[in-house]
Amino acid sequence: MQKNYLIKDLALIKNFNSQRKPNYSRISEKLNVSRQTIQQNITKLREEKLINSFKINIHPMIEPNLKYVLLEIKTNPKEPIMIEKLLEISQLKMLDGIFGEYSLIALFIFKSLDEFNEILNQIDNIMANSYFKKYQITETIKIFKTNGIRLSKNTLIEYKIDKIDNFILEILENNQNKKLISTYDINKRMYQDYGIDISQSTIYNRIKKLEESRIILNYSLEFNPKKIGFMGKFITWIKPKNPSKYNEIALKLEKKPEITDLYRIGSEFGLFAIIRTKKIEDYGKIIRSLYITEEIEDTFTNFVLDEQILFTNFKIP
C-alpha cells in the first residue's frame, strides 16, 4: 500500500513540473481525479513534510554577472553554530554534509560581483571563528544542467528583460508558498515591495514572454527527496582523458537523468555533477557507465550524509 501511495505522490509532483504555470484542470484530467482531490493531496503532502512550496527555475544565463560558486568547508562536529550562520545567507542554495577532508559542501548563487564580494566577507568572518579555518572556493565556468533541466535543450531566446521583469521573477521565485501565486497577488506584491503599480494583464503578458523566451525554465514543487524515494545523493568530480572534449562529454553526461546538475569548473577535475539515485547501490552502475565510454580518466566522489537544506525541486525523470 505504501508503494502505491508513493507512486501517486510522485505522479502528482511530476505533473506540477511544467514550462508554463501548472493548470489544475489539465492535471486533474490527466490523473483522472478531481481538482478537490488534488488540493487535498497537496495539503496532505505538505502536512507530512513531503512537499513545501511552489517554485520556479530560472535560466542561469539571464544575467552576465550571475555567479554559481561552490564552497568546501572543513568543520568540527562540535561547532553547529557555523552551519546555522551559513543557513542564514539567502544566496545559499545547497548545504550538504559529506565524507572526506572537507565535511561540508555548499552552493551559492550570486547576482553580481559586488554581492559575491560582500557575502565572501561574511563567509570569511564565519570561518575566522571556526576550529579549522580551512575552506576552498570553486567558481563555475559553464552550466550544462540545473535541477534536472538540460540547458542545451533550453536555449535562451533573445528577450531583453528590464527591472519590472526582474521584480516579477523575484516574486515568482521567493513569494510562492502554499498556492500558486496569481497575477493579482503579484500586482499587490509589486506595489508593496517596489512601489510599482501595473495591471494584471501586463503582468500576465510579461510572464508569458519570460516563459516563451525560456528565462523561466519551469514551474515545480519543492519536495523532500528521501521521502519520495531518492535515497542517494552524490557529489562527483569528473576528469576527461582529453581536456579538449569537455563540452562534448558534458553534452553526453547531461542526458543521464540521474545527473541533476552539471557544471564546468576550473580545476583538475573539470566537471562537477550532482547525482541522485533511488537506491544507493545504483550509483556504482552510473560510475561504471562513465568509464565504459573510455572518455573519462578519473572520478572523485563524495557521498552526501545529510542535506541541511531539505527541500529541492529537481525535475523527476
C-alpha atoms as a PDB file:
ATOM      1  CA  MET A   1       0.000   0.000   0.000  1.00  0.00           C
ATOM      2  CA  GLN A   2       2.832   2.372   0.873  1.00  0.00           C
ATOM      3  CA  LYS A   3       4.362   1.834  -2.565  1.00  0.00           C
ATOM      4  CA  ASN A   4       1.050   2.693  -4.257  1.00  0.00           C
ATOM      5  CA  TYR A   5       0.828   5.915  -2.266  1.00  0.00           C
ATOM      6  CA  LEU A   6       4.386   6.786  -3.273  1.00  0.00           C
ATOM      7  CA  ILE A   7       3.588   6.235  -6.958  1.00  0.00           C
ATOM      8  CA  LYS A   8       0.575   8.568  -6.684  1.00  0.00           C
ATOM      9  CA  ASP A   9       2.620  11.191  -4.820  1.00  0.00           C
ATOM     10  CA  LEU A  10       5.363  11.051  -7.454  1.00  0.00           C
ATOM     11  CA  ALA A  11       2.811  11.380 -10.256  1.00  0.00           C
ATOM     12  CA  LEU A  12       1.300  14.456  -8.608  1.00  0.00           C
ATOM     13  CA  ILE A  13       4.683  16.142  -8.085  1.00  0.00           C
ATOM     14  CA  LYS A  14       5.792  15.338 -11.651  1.00  0.00           C
ATOM     15  CA  ASN A  15       2.611  16.848 -13.094  1.00  0.00           C
ATOM     16  CA  PHE A  16       3.235  20.119 -11.292  1.00  0.00           C
ATOM     17  CA  ASN A  17       6.529  20.352 -13.174  1.00  0.00           C
ATOM     18  CA  SER A  18       5.822  22.239 -16.421  1.00  0.00           C
ATOM     19  CA  GLN A  19       7.230  25.012 -18.575  1.00  0.00           C
ATOM     20  CA  ARG A  20       4.089  27.095 -18.109  1.00  0.00           C
ATOM     21  CA  LYS A  21       2.142  27.746 -14.930  1.00  0.00           C
ATOM     22  CA  PRO A  22       0.553  24.414 -13.876  1.00  0.00           C
ATOM     23  CA  ASN A  23      -3.116  24.064 -14.748  1.00  0.00           C
ATOM     24  CA  TYR A  24      -5.231  22.271 -12.134  1.00  0.00           C
ATOM     25  CA  SER A  25      -7.920  21.282 -14.644  1.00  0.00           C
ATOM     26  CA  ARG A  26      -5.371  19.724 -17.003  1.00  0.00           C
ATOM     27  CA  ILE A  27      -3.639  17.880 -14.146  1.00  0.00           C
ATOM     28  CA  SER A  28      -6.945  16.547 -12.755  1.00  0.00           C
ATOM     29  CA  GLU A  29      -7.895  15.283 -16.199  1.00  0.00           C
ATOM     30  CA  LYS A  30      -4.516  13.610 -16.717  1.00  0.00           C
ATOM     31  CA  LEU A  31      -4.546  11.914 -13.305  1.00  0.00           C
ATOM     32  CA  ASN A  32      -8.270  11.153 -13.530  1.00  0.00           C
ATOM     33  CA  VAL A  33      -9.063  12.786 -10.180  1.00  0.00           C
ATOM     34  CA  SER A  34     -10.996  15.901  -9.190  1.00  0.00           C
ATOM     35  CA  ARG A  35      -9.436  19.314  -8.524  1.00  0.00           C
ATOM     36  CA  GLN A  36     -10.614  18.960  -4.930  1.00  0.00           C
ATOM     37  CA  THR A  37      -8.736  15.658  -4.581  1.00  0.00           C
ATOM     38  CA  ILE A  38      -5.578  17.315  -5.906  1.00  0.00           C
ATOM     39  CA  GLN A  39      -5.918  20.132  -3.368  1.00  0.00           C
ATOM     40  CA  GLN A  40      -6.479  17.616  -0.571  1.00  0.00           C
ATOM     41  CA  ASN A  41      -3.441  15.581  -1.624  1.00  0.00           C
ATOM     42  CA  ILE A  42      -1.244  18.672  -1.739  1.00  0.00           C
ATOM     43  CA  THR A  43      -2.400  19.611   1.780  1.00  0.00           C
ATOM     44  CA  LYS A  44      -1.673  16.053   2.983  1.00  0.00           C
ATOM     45  CA  LEU A  45       1.806  16.002   1.427  1.00  0.00           C
ATOM     46  CA  ARG A  46       2.600  19.376   2.956  1.00  0.00           C
ATOM     47  CA  GLU A  47       1.463  18.219   6.424  1.00  0.00           C
ATOM     48  CA  GLU A  48       3.690  15.143   6.043  1.00  0.00           C
ATOM     49  CA  LYS A  49       6.590  17.480   5.125  1.00  0.00           C
ATOM     50  CA  LEU A  50       6.948  15.672   1.823  1.00  0.00           C
ATOM     51  CA  ILE A  51       6.457  18.878  -0.172  1.00  0.00           C
ATOM     52  CA  ASN A  52       6.949  22.515   0.683  1.00  0.00           C
ATOM     53  CA  SER A  53       6.219  25.494  -1.563  1.00  0.00           C
ATOM     54  CA  PHE A  54       5.731  26.154  -5.275  1.00  0.00           C
ATOM     55  CA  LYS A  55       8.878  27.235  -7.099  1.00  0.00           C
ATOM     56  CA  ILE A  56      10.212  28.272 -10.496  1.00  0.00           C
ATOM     57  CA  ASN A  57      13.602  27.545 -12.042  1.00  0.00           C
ATOM     58  CA  ILE A  58      15.210  30.476 -13.850  1.00  0.00           C
ATOM     59  CA  HIS A  59      17.726  30.107 -16.679  1.00  0.00           C
ATOM     60  CA  PRO A  60      21.160  30.712 -15.125  1.00  0.00           C
ATOM     61  CA  MET A  61      22.421  32.651 -18.141  1.00  0.00           C
ATOM     62  CA  ILE A  62      19.943  35.539 -17.974  1.00  0.00           C
ATOM     63  CA  GLU A  63      22.418  37.802 -16.207  1.00  0.00           C
ATOM     64  CA  PRO A  64      26.062  38.140 -17.298  1.00  0.00           C
ATOM     65  CA  ASN A  65      27.234  38.594 -13.712  1.00  0.00           C
ATOM     66  CA  LEU A  66      25.343  35.640 -12.230  1.00  0.00           C
ATOM     67  CA  LYS A  67      27.875  33.504 -10.358  1.00  0.00           C
ATOM     68  CA  TYR A  68      27.486  29.899  -9.208  1.00  0.00           C
ATOM     69  CA  VAL A  69      30.086  29.274  -6.511  1.00  0.00           C
ATOM     70  CA  LEU A  70      30.988  26.021  -4.714  1.00  0.00           C
ATOM     71  CA  LEU A  71      32.368  26.177  -1.193  1.00  0.00           C
ATOM     72  CA  GLU A  72      34.037  23.208   0.546  1.00  0.00           C
ATOM     73  CA  ILE A  73      34.499  23.558   4.301  1.00  0.00           C
ATOM     74  CA  LYS A  74      36.395  21.561   6.910  1.00  0.00           C
ATOM     75  CA  THR A  75      34.411  21.601  10.142  1.00  0.00           C
ATOM     76  CA  ASN A  76      34.425  20.295  13.680  1.00  0.00           C
ATOM     77  CA  PRO A  77      31.269  18.381  14.724  1.00  0.00           C
ATOM     78  CA  LYS A  78      31.208  20.455  17.918  1.00  0.00           C
ATOM     79  CA  GLU A  79      30.555  23.746  16.080  1.00  0.00           C
ATOM     80  CA  PRO A  80      26.949  23.570  14.771  1.00  0.00           C
ATOM     81  CA  ILE A  81      26.727  27.361  15.090  1.00  0.00           C
ATOM     82  CA  MET A  82      28.744  27.630  11.861  1.00  0.00           C
ATOM     83  CA  ILE A  83      26.077  25.707   9.933  1.00  0.00           C
ATOM     84  CA  GLU A  84      23.384  27.900  11.477  1.00  0.00           C
ATOM     85  CA  LYS A  85      25.178  31.050  10.321  1.00  0.00           C
ATOM     86  CA  LEU A  86      25.681  29.709   6.788  1.00  0.00           C
ATOM     87  CA  LEU A  87      21.980  28.820   6.558  1.00  0.00           C
ATOM     88  CA  GLU A  88      21.144  32.461   7.272  1.00  0.00           C
ATOM     89  CA  ILE A  89      22.749  33.539   3.971  1.00  0.00           C
ATOM     90  CA  SER A  90      19.936  33.903   1.425  1.00  0.00           C
ATOM     91  CA  GLN A  91      22.257  33.206  -1.542  1.00  0.00           C
ATOM     92  CA  LEU A  92      22.938  29.700  -0.180  1.00  0.00           C
ATOM     93  CA  LYS A  93      21.086  27.133  -2.325  1.00  0.00           C
ATOM     94  CA  MET A  94      22.639  23.845  -1.149  1.00  0.00           C
ATOM     95  CA  LEU A  95      24.442  22.753   2.011  1.00  0.00           C
ATOM     96  CA  ASP A  96      25.383  19.088   2.461  1.00  0.00           C
ATOM     97  CA  GLY A  97      27.381  17.098   4.966  1.00  0.00           C
ATOM     98  CA  ILE A  98      29.830  14.808   3.132  1.00  0.00           C
ATOM     99  CA  PHE A  99      32.613  12.252   3.717  1.00  0.00           C
ATOM    100  CA  GLY A 100      36.190  13.375   3.252  1.00  0.00           C
ATOM    101  CA  GLU A 101      38.645  16.043   4.311  1.00  0.00           C
ATOM    102  CA  TYR A 102      36.026  18.699   3.734  1.00  0.00           C
ATOM    103  CA  SER A 103      32.904  17.771   5.674  1.00  0.00           C
ATOM    104  CA  LEU A 104      30.566  20.374   4.175  1.00  0.00           C
ATOM    105  CA  ILE A 105      29.866  21.427   0.607  1.00  0.00           C
ATOM    106  CA  ALA A 106      27.765  24.453  -0.295  1.00  0.00           C
ATOM    107  CA  LEU A 107      26.421  26.035  -3.463  1.00  0.00           C
ATOM    108  CA  PHE A 108      25.826  29.782  -3.606  1.00  0.00           C
ATOM    109  CA  ILE A 109      24.240  31.800  -6.408  1.00  0.00           C
ATOM    110  CA  PHE A 110      25.219  35.479  -6.590  1.00  0.00           C
ATOM    111  CA  LYS A 111      23.602  38.065  -8.855  1.00  0.00           C
ATOM    112  CA  SER A 112      26.626  40.326  -9.123  1.00  0.00           C
ATOM    113  CA  LEU A 113      30.325  40.569  -8.350  1.00  0.00           C
ATOM    114  CA  ASP A 114      29.557  43.090  -5.595  1.00  0.00           C
ATOM    115  CA  GLU A 115      27.128  40.661  -3.974  1.00  0.00           C
ATOM    116  CA  PHE A 116      29.729  37.877  -4.256  1.00  0.00           C
ATOM    117  CA  ASN A 117      32.411  40.003  -2.556  1.00  0.00           C
ATOM    118  CA  GLU A 118      30.020  41.118   0.180  1.00  0.00           C
ATOM    119  CA  ILE A 119      28.967  37.565   1.056  1.00  0.00           C
ATOM    120  CA  LEU A 120      32.546  36.300   0.756  1.00  0.00           C
ATOM    121  CA  ASN A 121      33.488  38.737   3.537  1.00  0.00           C
ATOM    122  CA  GLN A 122      30.615  37.330   5.582  1.00  0.00           C
ATOM    123  CA  ILE A 123      31.852  33.771   4.968  1.00  0.00           C
ATOM    124  CA  ASP A 124      35.404  34.817   5.940  1.00  0.00           C
ATOM    125  CA  ASN A 125      34.069  36.138   9.246  1.00  0.00           C
ATOM    126  CA  ILE A 126      32.191  32.881   9.891  1.00  0.00           C
ATOM    127  CA  MET A 127      35.284  30.823   9.070  1.00  0.00           C
ATOM    128  CA  ALA A 128      37.527  33.013  11.226  1.00  0.00           C
ATOM    129  CA  ASN A 129      35.623  31.705  14.251  1.00  0.00           C
ATOM    130  CA  SER A 130      35.730  28.059  13.156  1.00  0.00           C
ATOM    131  CA  TYR A 131      38.062  25.404  14.568  1.00  0.00           C
ATOM    132  CA  PHE A 132      39.979  24.511  11.381  1.00  0.00           C
ATOM    133  CA  LYS A 133      39.598  27.788   9.429  1.00  0.00           C
ATOM    134  CA  LYS A 134      40.011  25.734   6.267  1.00  0.00           C
ATOM    135  CA  TYR A 135      37.872  26.068   3.150  1.00  0.00           C
ATOM    136  CA  GLN A 136      38.189  26.389  -0.611  1.00  0.00           C
ATOM    137  CA  ILE A 137      36.091  28.148  -3.230  1.00  0.00           C
ATOM    138  CA  THR A 138      35.492  26.958  -6.796  1.00  0.00           C
ATOM    139  CA  GLU A 139      33.726  29.097  -9.376  1.00  0.00           C
ATOM    140  CA  THR A 140      31.749  27.526 -12.190  1.00  0.00           C
ATOM    141  CA  ILE A 141      32.709  28.359 -15.784  1.00  0.00           C
ATOM    142  CA  LYS A 142      29.656  26.961 -17.562  1.00  0.00           C
ATOM    143  CA  ILE A 143      26.367  25.383 -16.513  1.00  0.00           C
ATOM    144  CA  PHE A 144      25.164  22.420 -18.577  1.00  0.00           C
ATOM    145  CA  LYS A 145      22.316  21.223 -16.389  1.00  0.00           C
ATOM    146  CA  THR A 146      20.418  22.641 -13.447  1.00  0.00           C
ATOM    147  CA  ASN A 147      17.735  20.969 -11.315  1.00  0.00           C
ATOM    148  CA  GLY A 148      17.354  18.163 -13.842  1.00  0.00           C
ATOM    149  CA  ILE A 149      16.875  20.557 -16.784  1.00  0.00           C
ATOM    150  CA  ARG A 150      19.194  20.224 -19.776  1.00  0.00           C
ATOM    151  CA  LEU A 151      20.222  23.717 -20.864  1.00  0.00           C
ATOM    152  CA  SER A 152      21.282  22.507 -24.321  1.00  0.00           C
ATOM    153  CA  LYS A 153      17.571  21.795 -24.889  1.00  0.00           C
ATOM    154  CA  ASN A 154      16.510  25.119 -23.376  1.00  0.00           C
ATOM    155  CA  THR A 155      18.454  27.724 -25.315  1.00  0.00           C
ATOM    156  CA  LEU A 156      17.582  31.281 -24.380  1.00  0.00           C
ATOM    157  CA  ILE A 157      15.513  33.110 -26.976  1.00  0.00           C
ATOM    158  CA  GLU A 158      16.575  36.735 -27.254  1.00  0.00           C
ATOM    159  CA  TYR A 159      14.465  38.899 -24.986  1.00  0.00           C
ATOM    160  CA  LYS A 160      15.798  41.881 -23.071  1.00  0.00           C
ATOM    161  CA  ILE A 161      14.500  41.830 -19.517  1.00  0.00           C
ATOM    162  CA  ASP A 162      14.115  45.042 -17.528  1.00  0.00           C
ATOM    163  CA  LYS A 163      13.716  45.801 -13.835  1.00  0.00           C
ATOM    164  CA  ILE A 164       9.973  45.014 -13.928  1.00  0.00           C
ATOM    165  CA  ASP A 165      10.738  41.537 -15.303  1.00  0.00           C
ATOM    166  CA  ASN A 166      13.371  41.053 -12.604  1.00  0.00           C
ATOM    167  CA  PHE A 167      10.877  42.039  -9.905  1.00  0.00           C
ATOM    168  CA  ILE A 168       8.328  39.561 -11.303  1.00  0.00           C
ATOM    169  CA  LEU A 169      10.949  36.809 -11.349  1.00  0.00           C
ATOM    170  CA  GLU A 170      11.936  37.569  -7.737  1.00  0.00           C
ATOM    171  CA  ILE A 171       8.297  37.363  -6.643  1.00  0.00           C
ATOM    172  CA  LEU A 172       7.706  34.102  -8.519  1.00  0.00           C
ATOM    173  CA  GLU A 173      10.903  32.641  -7.090  1.00  0.00           C
ATOM    174  CA  ASN A 174      10.564  33.766  -3.484  1.00  0.00           C
ATOM    175  CA  ASN A 175       6.933  34.542  -2.667  1.00  0.00           C
ATOM    176  CA  GLN A 176       5.007  31.450  -3.701  1.00  0.00           C
ATOM    177  CA  ASN A 177       4.102  29.286  -0.772  1.00  0.00           C
ATOM    178  CA  LYS A 178       1.042  27.135  -0.235  1.00  0.00           C
ATOM    179  CA  LYS A 179      -0.576  28.060  -3.529  1.00  0.00           C
ATOM    180  CA  LEU A 180       0.468  29.144  -6.997  1.00  0.00           C
ATOM    181  CA  ILE A 181       0.748  32.910  -6.937  1.00  0.00           C
ATOM    182  CA  SER A 182      -1.778  34.789  -9.095  1.00  0.00           C
ATOM    183  CA  THR A 183      -1.319  37.935 -11.172  1.00  0.00           C
ATOM    184  CA  TYR A 184      -3.474  39.695  -8.550  1.00  0.00           C
ATOM    185  CA  ASP A 185      -1.034  38.629  -5.797  1.00  0.00           C
ATOM    186  CA  ILE A 186       1.935  39.714  -7.904  1.00  0.00           C
ATOM    187  CA  ASN A 187       0.261  43.073  -8.519  1.00  0.00           C
ATOM    188  CA  LYS A 188      -0.131  43.582  -4.748  1.00  0.00           C
ATOM    189  CA  ARG A 189       3.404  42.473  -4.001  1.00  0.00           C
ATOM    190  CA  MET A 190       4.850  44.746  -6.732  1.00  0.00           C
ATOM    191  CA  TYR A 191       3.155  47.738  -5.160  1.00  0.00           C
ATOM    192  CA  GLN A 192       4.016  46.805  -1.551  1.00  0.00           C
ATOM    193  CA  ASP A 193       7.662  45.903  -2.168  1.00  0.00           C
ATOM    194  CA  TYR A 194       8.669  48.129  -5.078  1.00  0.00           C
ATOM    195  CA  GLY A 195       6.047  50.899  -5.222  1.00  0.00           C
ATOM    196  CA  ILE A 196       5.142  49.891  -8.788  1.00  0.00           C
ATOM    197  CA  ASP A 197       1.516  49.676  -9.904  1.00  0.00           C
ATOM    198  CA  ILE A 198       0.987  47.753 -13.152  1.00  0.00           C
ATOM    199  CA  SER A 199      -2.089  45.938 -14.393  1.00  0.00           C
ATOM    200  CA  GLN A 200      -2.681  42.211 -14.025  1.00  0.00           C
ATOM    201  CA  SER A 201      -2.891  41.874 -17.817  1.00  0.00           C
ATOM    202  CA  THR A 202       0.569  43.460 -18.187  1.00  0.00           C
ATOM    203  CA  ILE A 203       1.947  41.063 -15.564  1.00  0.00           C
ATOM    204  CA  TYR A 204       0.346  38.111 -17.384  1.00  0.00           C
ATOM    205  CA  ASN A 205       1.852  39.162 -20.740  1.00  0.00           C
ATOM    206  CA  ARG A 206       5.289  39.698 -19.236  1.00  0.00           C
ATOM    207  CA  ILE A 207       5.232  36.252 -17.579  1.00  0.00           C
ATOM    208  CA  LYS A 208       4.177  34.712 -20.884  1.00  0.00           C
ATOM    209  CA  LYS A 209       7.175  36.331 -22.619  1.00  0.00           C
ATOM    210  CA  LEU A 210       9.502  35.116 -19.835  1.00  0.00           C
ATOM    211  CA  GLU A 211       8.172  31.584 -20.393  1.00  0.00           C
ATOM    212  CA  GLU A 212       8.399  31.743 -24.199  1.00  0.00           C
ATOM    213  CA  SER A 213      11.959  33.066 -24.095  1.00  0.00           C
ATOM    214  CA  ARG A 214      12.846  30.217 -21.667  1.00  0.00           C
ATOM    215  CA  ILE A 215      14.004  32.625 -18.969  1.00  0.00           C
ATOM    216  CA  ILE A 216      11.508  30.769 -16.777  1.00  0.00           C
ATOM    217  CA  LEU A 217      12.714  27.208 -17.318  1.00  0.00           C
ATOM    218  CA  ASN A 218       9.853  25.570 -15.450  1.00  0.00           C
ATOM    219  CA  TYR A 219       7.383  25.650 -12.577  1.00  0.00           C
ATOM    220  CA  SER A 220       7.683  22.988  -9.907  1.00  0.00           C
ATOM    221  CA  LEU A 221       7.013  21.889  -6.345  1.00  0.00           C
ATOM    222  CA  GLU A 222       9.719  21.767  -3.696  1.00  0.00           C
ATOM    223  CA  PHE A 223       9.942  18.281  -2.219  1.00  0.00           C
ATOM    224  CA  ASN A 224      11.940  16.216   0.240  1.00  0.00           C
ATOM    225  CA  PRO A 225      13.941  13.792  -1.978  1.00  0.00           C
ATOM    226  CA  LYS A 226      14.259  10.955   0.546  1.00  0.00           C
ATOM    227  CA  LYS A 227      10.538  10.975   1.289  1.00  0.00           C
ATOM    228  CA  ILE A 228       9.740  10.248  -2.340  1.00  0.00           C
ATOM    229  CA  GLY A 229      12.334   7.508  -2.690  1.00  0.00           C
ATOM    230  CA  PHE A 230      15.581   9.255  -3.728  1.00  0.00           C
ATOM    231  CA  MET A 231      17.843   7.766  -1.061  1.00  0.00           C
ATOM    232  CA  GLY A 232      21.233   8.525  -2.611  1.00  0.00           C
ATOM    233  CA  LYS A 233      22.839  11.885  -3.339  1.00  0.00           C
ATOM    234  CA  PHE A 234      26.412  12.019  -4.611  1.00  0.00           C
ATOM    235  CA  ILE A 235      28.808  14.870  -5.375  1.00  0.00           C
ATOM    236  CA  THR A 236      31.054  13.766  -8.248  1.00  0.00           C
ATOM    237  CA  TRP A 237      34.069  15.386  -9.871  1.00  0.00           C
ATOM    238  CA  ILE A 238      34.867  14.067 -13.359  1.00  0.00           C
ATOM    239  CA  LYS A 239      38.175  14.262 -15.249  1.00  0.00           C
ATOM    240  CA  PRO A 240      38.055  13.569 -19.028  1.00  0.00           C
ATOM    241  CA  LYS A 241      41.067  11.971 -20.724  1.00  0.00           C
ATOM    242  CA  ASN A 242      41.100  14.676 -23.389  1.00  0.00           C
ATOM    243  CA  PRO A 243      40.645  18.220 -21.979  1.00  0.00           C
ATOM    244  CA  SER A 244      39.607  19.489 -25.410  1.00  0.00           C
ATOM    245  CA  LYS A 245      36.438  17.367 -25.208  1.00  0.00           C
ATOM    246  CA  TYR A 246      34.913  18.898 -22.075  1.00  0.00           C
ATOM    247  CA  ASN A 247      31.939  20.323 -23.941  1.00  0.00           C
ATOM    248  CA  GLU A 248      31.335  17.158 -25.979  1.00  0.00           C
ATOM    249  CA  ILE A 249      31.463  14.911 -22.900  1.00  0.00           C
ATOM    250  CA  ALA A 250      29.282  17.241 -20.828  1.00  0.00           C
ATOM    251  CA  LEU A 251      26.559  17.197 -23.502  1.00  0.00           C
ATOM    252  CA  LYS A 252      26.547  13.393 -23.261  1.00  0.00           C
ATOM    253  CA  LEU A 253      26.510  13.413 -19.463  1.00  0.00           C
ATOM    254  CA  GLU A 254      23.622  15.856 -19.215  1.00  0.00           C
ATOM    255  CA  LYS A 255      21.395  13.251 -20.926  1.00  0.00           C
ATOM    256  CA  LYS A 256      21.703  10.982 -17.895  1.00  0.00           C
ATOM    257  CA  PRO A 257      18.529  11.500 -15.829  1.00  0.00           C
ATOM    258  CA  GLU A 258      20.362  10.720 -12.572  1.00  0.00           C
ATOM    259  CA  ILE A 259      22.600  13.770 -13.076  1.00  0.00           C
ATOM    260  CA  THR A 260      20.508  16.691 -11.858  1.00  0.00           C
ATOM    261  CA  ASP A 261      23.229  19.374 -12.028  1.00  0.00           C
ATOM    262  CA  LEU A 262      26.346  19.572 -14.172  1.00  0.00           C
ATOM    263  CA  TYR A 263      28.953  22.351 -14.194  1.00  0.00           C
ATOM    264  CA  ARG A 264      32.265  23.039 -15.920  1.00  0.00           C
ATOM    265  CA  ILE A 265      34.672  24.211 -13.235  1.00  0.00           C
ATOM    266  CA  GLY A 266      38.224  25.483 -13.183  1.00  0.00           C
ATOM    267  CA  SER A 267      40.106  22.601 -11.571  1.00  0.00           C
ATOM    268  CA  GLU A 268      41.924  19.360 -12.423  1.00  0.00           C
ATOM    269  CA  PHE A 269      38.551  17.576 -12.304  1.00  0.00           C
ATOM    270  CA  GLY A 270      36.887  19.964 -14.708  1.00  0.00           C
ATOM    271  CA  LEU A 271      33.300  18.679 -14.482  1.00  0.00           C
ATOM    272  CA  PHE A 272      31.216  18.765 -11.324  1.00  0.00           C
ATOM    273  CA  ALA A 273      27.999  16.741 -11.085  1.00  0.00           C
ATOM    274  CA  ILE A 274      25.229  16.233  -8.560  1.00  0.00           C
ATOM    275  CA  ILE A 275      23.799  12.735  -8.929  1.00  0.00           C
ATOM    276  CA  ARG A 276      20.543  11.438  -7.404  1.00  0.00           C
ATOM    277  CA  THR A 277      19.635   7.752  -7.213  1.00  0.00           C
ATOM    278  CA  LYS A 278      16.688   5.911  -5.683  1.00  0.00           C
ATOM    279  CA  LYS A 279      18.992   3.183  -4.369  1.00  0.00           C
ATOM    280  CA  ILE A 280      22.466   3.944  -3.079  1.00  0.00           C
ATOM    281  CA  GLU A 281      23.878   0.897  -4.887  1.00  0.00           C
ATOM    282  CA  ASP A 282      22.658   2.285  -8.230  1.00  0.00           C
ATOM    283  CA  TYR A 283      25.462   4.853  -8.114  1.00  0.00           C
ATOM    284  CA  GLY A 284      28.041   2.165  -8.943  1.00  0.00           C
ATOM    285  CA  LYS A 285      26.251   1.430 -12.223  1.00  0.00           C
ATOM    286  CA  ILE A 286      26.397   5.097 -13.177  1.00  0.00           C
ATOM    287  CA  ILE A 287      30.128   5.338 -12.467  1.00  0.00           C
ATOM    288  CA  ARG A 288      30.785   2.155 -14.465  1.00  0.00           C
ATOM    289  CA  SER A 289      28.839   3.618 -17.387  1.00  0.00           C
ATOM    290  CA  LEU A 290      31.175   6.644 -17.366  1.00  0.00           C
ATOM    291  CA  TYR A 291      34.319   4.523 -17.620  1.00  0.00           C
ATOM    292  CA  ILE A 292      32.879   2.223 -20.310  1.00  0.00           C
ATOM    293  CA  THR A 293      32.955   5.150 -22.754  1.00  0.00           C
ATOM    294  CA  GLU A 294      36.775   5.312 -22.310  1.00  0.00           C
ATOM    295  CA  GLU A 295      36.471   9.111 -22.380  1.00  0.00           C
ATOM    296  CA  ILE A 296      36.826   9.511 -18.595  1.00  0.00           C
ATOM    297  CA  GLU A 297      40.239   9.274 -16.954  1.00  0.00           C
ATOM    298  CA  ASP A 298      39.186   9.601 -13.328  1.00  0.00           C
ATOM    299  CA  THR A 299      36.350  10.479 -10.953  1.00  0.00           C
ATOM    300  CA  PHE A 300      36.205  11.576  -7.340  1.00  0.00           C
ATOM    301  CA  THR A 301      33.052  11.104  -5.280  1.00  0.00           C
ATOM    302  CA  ASN A 302      31.611  12.362  -2.015  1.00  0.00           C
ATOM    303  CA  PHE A 303      28.557  10.609  -0.602  1.00  0.00           C
ATOM    304  CA  VAL A 304      26.113  13.071   0.953  1.00  0.00           C
ATOM    305  CA  LEU A 305      25.481  12.123   4.576  1.00  0.00           C
ATOM    306  CA  ASP A 306      22.826  14.719   5.240  1.00  0.00           C
ATOM    307  CA  GLU A 307      21.168  17.604   3.433  1.00  0.00           C
ATOM    308  CA  GLN A 308      20.972  20.695   5.594  1.00  0.00           C
ATOM    309  CA  ILE A 309      18.551  22.258   3.095  1.00  0.00           C
ATOM    310  CA  LEU A 310      15.895  19.551   2.896  1.00  0.00           C
ATOM    311  CA  PHE A 311      13.652  20.751   0.083  1.00  0.00           C
ATOM    312  CA  THR A 312      14.650  20.816  -3.562  1.00  0.00           C
ATOM    313  CA  ASN A 313      12.839  20.881  -6.896  1.00  0.00           C
ATOM    314  CA  PHE A 314      14.834  18.942  -9.475  1.00  0.00           C
ATOM    315  CA  LYS A 315      12.897  17.547 -12.437  1.00  0.00           C
ATOM    316  CA  ILE A 316      11.908  13.960 -11.667  1.00  0.00           C
ATOM    317  CA  PRO A 317      12.641  11.610 -14.606  1.00  0.00           C
END
